[in-house]
Amino acid sequence: MRRDHEAALYAALDKLYMQGSVAILWTDLYLWYNADRLNKSAFRDISSQWKSVCEYYGHDEDDTPELEEIKHSDTWFLLTRKLFAEEERVPLSARTD
């Protein structure tokens, strides 16, 4: 993977870290991995890079949230993560009371 493509992947994973999800265009993934078709090793690499991002921000392997299901369309896919231990979900209705 080229350095600029690796930087783009890390930028996407930083968004995933901060926001809990990130949409990535399939065309970007194909470009980053220099592939016409993505195989399991590309997705394994994304998981490995995700662990590296979490370690960089001070989380150990036991505290790294799993990547959840990958939702997708013809043009993009959505990576989501489980919550970190210190996070909690707040229903929107709790903010409107």
N, C-alpha and C. Protein backbone atom coordinates (compact mmCIF):
# COMPACT_ATOMS: atom_id res chain seq x y z
N MET A 1 0.85 -1.17 0.00
CA MET A 1 0.00 0.00 0.00
C MET A 1 0.90 1.24 0.00
N ARG A 2 0.55 2.18 -0.84
CA ARG A 2 1.31 3.43 -0.90
C ARG A 2 1.11 4.24 0.38
N ARG A 3 2.06 5.09 0.67
CA ARG A 3 1.98 5.89 1.90
C ARG A 3 0.75 6.79 1.94
N ASP A 4 0.42 7.42 0.80
CA ASP A 4 -0.75 8.30 0.80
C ASP A 4 -2.04 7.51 1.00
N HIS A 5 -2.08 6.28 0.47
CA HIS A 5 -3.25 5.44 0.67
C HIS A 5 -3.33 4.96 2.12
N GLU A 6 -2.18 4.66 2.68
CA GLU A 6 -2.15 4.26 4.09
C GLU A 6 -2.62 5.41 4.98
N ALA A 7 -2.21 6.63 4.64
CA ALA A 7 -2.66 7.80 5.40
C ALA A 7 -4.17 7.99 5.28
N ALA A 8 -4.72 7.73 4.10
CA ALA A 8 -6.18 7.85 3.91
C ALA A 8 -6.91 6.80 4.74
N LEU A 9 -6.37 5.58 4.78
CA LEU A 9 -6.97 4.53 5.60
C LEU A 9 -6.92 4.92 7.07
N TYR A 10 -5.78 5.43 7.53
CA TYR A 10 -5.67 5.85 8.93
C TYR A 10 -6.61 7.01 9.24
N ALA A 11 -6.81 7.91 8.30
CA ALA A 11 -7.76 9.01 8.51
C ALA A 11 -9.18 8.46 8.69
N ALA A 12 -9.54 7.46 7.89
CA ALA A 12 -10.86 6.83 8.03
C ALA A 12 -10.97 6.13 9.38
N LEU A 13 -9.91 5.45 9.80
CA LEU A 13 -9.96 4.74 11.08
C LEU A 13 -9.96 5.71 12.26
N ASP A 14 -9.33 6.88 12.10
CA ASP A 14 -9.43 7.91 13.13
C ASP A 14 -10.88 8.38 13.28
N LYS A 15 -11.57 8.56 12.15
CA LYS A 15 -13.00 8.94 12.22
C LYS A 15 -13.80 7.85 12.92
N LEU A 16 -13.51 6.61 12.58
CA LEU A 16 -14.19 5.48 13.22
C LEU A 16 -13.95 5.53 14.73
N TYR A 17 -12.73 5.81 15.13
CA TYR A 17 -12.39 5.90 16.55
C TYR A 17 -13.19 7.00 17.23
N MET A 18 -13.22 8.18 16.62
CA MET A 18 -13.85 9.33 17.23
C MET A 18 -15.38 9.29 17.16
N GLN A 19 -15.92 8.83 16.04
CA GLN A 19 -17.36 8.94 15.81
C GLN A 19 -18.13 7.64 15.99
N GLY A 20 -17.44 6.52 15.92
CA GLY A 20 -18.13 5.23 16.06
C GLY A 20 -18.48 4.58 14.74
N SER A 21 -18.40 5.33 13.66
CA SER A 21 -18.65 4.74 12.34
C SER A 21 -17.97 5.60 11.28
N VAL A 22 -17.75 5.00 10.14
CA VAL A 22 -17.18 5.73 9.01
C VAL A 22 -17.63 5.05 7.72
N ALA A 23 -18.02 5.86 6.76
CA ALA A 23 -18.37 5.35 5.43
C ALA A 23 -17.14 5.50 4.54
N ILE A 24 -16.83 4.43 3.82
CA ILE A 24 -15.68 4.42 2.91
C ILE A 24 -16.18 4.00 1.54
N LEU A 25 -15.78 4.74 0.53
CA LEU A 25 -16.15 4.37 -0.84
C LEU A 25 -15.40 3.12 -1.26
N TRP A 26 -16.11 2.23 -1.96
CA TRP A 26 -15.47 1.02 -2.48
C TRP A 26 -14.32 1.38 -3.40
N THR A 27 -14.51 2.42 -4.22
CA THR A 27 -13.45 2.80 -5.16
C THR A 27 -12.19 3.21 -4.41
N ASP A 28 -12.35 3.84 -3.26
CA ASP A 28 -11.17 4.19 -2.45
C ASP A 28 -10.48 2.93 -1.94
N LEU A 29 -11.25 1.98 -1.44
CA LEU A 29 -10.66 0.73 -0.95
C LEU A 29 -9.91 0.00 -2.04
N TYR A 30 -10.50 -0.10 -3.22
CA TYR A 30 -9.82 -0.77 -4.33
C TYR A 30 -8.53 -0.06 -4.68
N LEU A 31 -8.56 1.27 -4.65
CA LEU A 31 -7.37 2.05 -4.94
C LEU A 31 -6.32 1.85 -3.86
N TRP A 32 -6.73 1.94 -2.58
CA TRP A 32 -5.79 1.80 -1.48
C TRP A 32 -5.09 0.44 -1.51
N TYR A 33 -5.86 -0.62 -1.81
CA TYR A 33 -5.30 -1.97 -1.81
C TYR A 33 -4.85 -2.43 -3.19
N ASN A 34 -4.91 -1.52 -4.18
CA ASN A 34 -4.47 -1.82 -5.54
C ASN A 34 -5.08 -3.15 -6.02
N ALA A 35 -6.41 -3.21 -5.95
CA ALA A 35 -7.10 -4.46 -6.27
C ALA A 35 -8.36 -4.18 -7.08
N ASP A 36 -8.71 -5.15 -7.90
CA ASP A 36 -9.99 -5.11 -8.62
C ASP A 36 -11.07 -5.78 -7.79
N ARG A 37 -10.65 -6.64 -6.89
CA ARG A 37 -11.56 -7.36 -6.00
C ARG A 37 -10.86 -7.49 -4.66
N LEU A 38 -11.57 -7.21 -3.59
CA LEU A 38 -10.98 -7.30 -2.26
C LEU A 38 -11.12 -8.71 -1.70
N ASN A 39 -10.05 -9.21 -1.14
CA ASN A 39 -10.10 -10.54 -0.54
C ASN A 39 -10.05 -10.41 0.99
N LYS A 40 -10.03 -11.55 1.65
CA LYS A 40 -10.05 -11.55 3.12
C LYS A 40 -8.84 -10.84 3.71
N SER A 41 -7.71 -10.90 3.03
CA SER A 41 -6.51 -10.28 3.60
C SER A 41 -6.67 -8.76 3.70
N ALA A 42 -7.40 -8.13 2.80
CA ALA A 42 -7.64 -6.68 2.90
C ALA A 42 -8.45 -6.36 4.15
N PHE A 43 -9.47 -7.16 4.43
CA PHE A 43 -10.29 -6.91 5.61
C PHE A 43 -9.54 -7.27 6.89
N ARG A 44 -8.67 -8.28 6.82
CA ARG A 44 -7.81 -8.58 7.97
C ARG A 44 -6.87 -7.42 8.24
N ASP A 45 -6.35 -6.81 7.17
CA ASP A 45 -5.47 -5.67 7.32
C ASP A 45 -6.20 -4.50 7.96
N ILE A 46 -7.43 -4.25 7.55
CA ILE A 46 -8.21 -3.17 8.15
C ILE A 46 -8.38 -3.43 9.65
N SER A 47 -8.69 -4.66 10.03
CA SER A 47 -8.83 -5.01 11.45
C SER A 47 -7.51 -4.81 12.20
N SER A 48 -6.42 -5.19 11.58
CA SER A 48 -5.11 -5.02 12.20
C SER A 48 -4.77 -3.54 12.36
N GLN A 49 -5.05 -2.75 11.35
CA GLN A 49 -4.78 -1.31 11.44
C GLN A 49 -5.68 -0.66 12.49
N TRP A 50 -6.90 -1.16 12.62
CA TRP A 50 -7.81 -0.65 13.65
C TRP A 50 -7.21 -0.87 15.04
N LYS A 51 -6.67 -2.04 15.27
CA LYS A 51 -6.03 -2.32 16.56
C LYS A 51 -4.85 -1.38 16.79
N SER A 52 -4.11 -1.08 15.74
CA SER A 52 -2.98 -0.15 15.86
C SER A 52 -3.45 1.25 16.23
N VAL A 53 -4.53 1.70 15.63
CA VAL A 53 -5.08 3.01 15.94
C VAL A 53 -5.49 3.06 17.42
N CYS A 54 -6.17 2.03 17.87
CA CYS A 54 -6.61 2.01 19.28
C CYS A 54 -5.42 1.98 20.23
N GLU A 55 -4.39 1.21 19.89
CA GLU A 55 -3.18 1.18 20.71
C GLU A 55 -2.53 2.55 20.75
N TYR A 56 -2.50 3.23 19.63
CA TYR A 56 -1.92 4.58 19.57
C TYR A 56 -2.63 5.52 20.54
N TYR A 57 -3.95 5.36 20.67
CA TYR A 57 -4.72 6.21 21.57
C TYR A 57 -4.80 5.66 22.99
N GLY A 58 -3.96 4.68 23.31
CA GLY A 58 -3.82 4.22 24.69
C GLY A 58 -4.69 3.06 25.11
N HIS A 59 -5.30 2.37 24.17
CA HIS A 59 -6.12 1.21 24.51
C HIS A 59 -5.32 -0.06 24.28
N ASP A 60 -5.44 -0.99 25.22
CA ASP A 60 -4.77 -2.26 24.99
C ASP A 60 -5.71 -3.18 24.21
N GLU A 61 -5.21 -4.34 23.86
CA GLU A 61 -5.98 -5.25 23.00
C GLU A 61 -7.31 -5.66 23.63
N ASP A 62 -7.33 -5.81 24.96
CA ASP A 62 -8.56 -6.20 25.65
C ASP A 62 -9.60 -5.08 25.64
N ASP A 63 -9.15 -3.84 25.50
CA ASP A 63 -10.04 -2.68 25.54
C ASP A 63 -10.40 -2.17 24.14
N THR A 64 -9.92 -2.83 23.11
CA THR A 64 -10.19 -2.40 21.74
C THR A 64 -11.55 -2.92 21.29
N PRO A 65 -12.47 -2.02 20.94
CA PRO A 65 -13.79 -2.48 20.51
C PRO A 65 -13.71 -3.23 19.18
N GLU A 66 -14.51 -4.25 19.11
CA GLU A 66 -14.61 -5.02 17.86
C GLU A 66 -15.24 -4.18 16.78
N LEU A 67 -14.83 -4.40 15.55
CA LEU A 67 -15.53 -3.80 14.43
C LEU A 67 -16.80 -4.60 14.23
N GLU A 68 -17.90 -3.91 14.11
CA GLU A 68 -19.17 -4.60 13.97
C GLU A 68 -19.49 -4.81 12.51
N GLU A 69 -20.67 -5.25 12.25
CA GLU A 69 -21.03 -5.62 10.89
C GLU A 69 -20.71 -4.52 9.90
N ILE A 70 -20.37 -4.91 8.74
CA ILE A 70 -20.07 -3.97 7.68
C ILE A 70 -21.32 -3.86 6.81
N LYS A 71 -21.96 -2.71 6.87
CA LYS A 71 -23.12 -2.46 6.02
C LYS A 71 -22.61 -1.84 4.74
N HIS A 72 -23.28 -2.08 3.65
CA HIS A 72 -22.75 -1.56 2.39
C HIS A 72 -23.83 -1.33 1.35
N SER A 73 -23.45 -0.58 0.34
CA SER A 73 -24.26 -0.38 -0.85
C SER A 73 -23.35 -0.67 -2.04
N ASP A 74 -23.79 -0.31 -3.20
CA ASP A 74 -22.95 -0.51 -4.39
C ASP A 74 -21.75 0.43 -4.42
N THR A 75 -21.83 1.55 -3.71
CA THR A 75 -20.77 2.55 -3.80
C THR A 75 -19.95 2.74 -2.52
N TRP A 76 -20.45 2.32 -1.37
CA TRP A 76 -19.76 2.54 -0.11
C TRP A 76 -20.01 1.40 0.85
N PHE A 77 -19.19 1.35 1.90
CA PHE A 77 -19.50 0.45 3.00
C PHE A 77 -19.29 1.19 4.30
N LEU A 78 -20.01 0.77 5.31
CA LEU A 78 -20.01 1.45 6.59
C LEU A 78 -19.37 0.55 7.64
N LEU A 79 -18.29 1.03 8.22
CA LEU A 79 -17.67 0.34 9.34
C LEU A 79 -18.22 0.93 10.62
N THR A 80 -18.59 0.10 11.55
CA THR A 80 -19.01 0.57 12.87
C THR A 80 -18.20 -0.18 13.91
N ARG A 81 -18.17 0.37 15.09
CA ARG A 81 -17.45 -0.29 16.18
C ARG A 81 -18.37 -0.38 17.39
N LYS A 82 -18.06 -1.32 18.25
CA LYS A 82 -18.76 -1.38 19.53
C LYS A 82 -18.28 -0.21 20.38
N LEU A 83 -18.97 0.05 21.46
CA LEU A 83 -18.61 1.16 22.34
C LEU A 83 -17.36 0.84 23.15
N PHE A 84 -16.57 1.87 23.44
CA PHE A 84 -15.49 1.73 24.41
C PHE A 84 -16.12 1.62 25.78
N ALA A 85 -15.36 1.08 26.74
CA ALA A 85 -15.89 0.85 28.10
C ALA A 85 -16.43 2.13 28.72
N GLU A 86 -15.80 3.27 28.43
CA GLU A 86 -16.22 4.53 29.06
C GLU A 86 -17.37 5.22 28.33
N GLU A 87 -17.82 4.66 27.22
CA GLU A 87 -18.91 5.26 26.45
C GLU A 87 -20.25 4.64 26.82
N GLU A 88 -21.30 5.39 26.58
CA GLU A 88 -22.65 4.85 26.75
C GLU A 88 -23.56 5.43 25.68
N ARG A 89 -24.54 4.68 25.33
CA ARG A 89 -25.52 5.16 24.35
C ARG A 89 -26.56 6.00 25.08
N VAL A 90 -26.93 7.12 24.48
CA VAL A 90 -27.94 8.00 25.05
C VAL A 90 -29.05 8.15 24.01
N PRO A 91 -30.25 7.73 24.36
CA PRO A 91 -31.35 7.89 23.39
C PRO A 91 -31.59 9.37 23.11
N LEU A 92 -31.94 9.67 21.91
CA LEU A 92 -32.20 11.06 21.54
C LEU A 92 -33.34 11.64 22.39
N SER A 93 -34.29 10.80 22.74
CA SER A 93 -35.41 11.28 23.56
C SER A 93 -34.93 11.81 24.92
N ALA A 94 -33.80 11.30 25.41
CA ALA A 94 -33.26 11.79 26.68
C ALA A 94 -32.74 13.22 26.55
N ARG A 95 -32.44 13.63 25.35
CA ARG A 95 -31.92 14.99 25.11
C ARG A 95 -33.05 15.98 24.83
N THR A 96 -34.25 15.50 24.64
CA THR A 96 -35.37 16.38 24.31
C THR A 96 -36.26 16.68 25.51
N ASP A 97 -36.02 16.00 26.62
CA ASP A 97 -36.84 16.23 27.83
C ASP A 97 -36.44 17.48 28.55
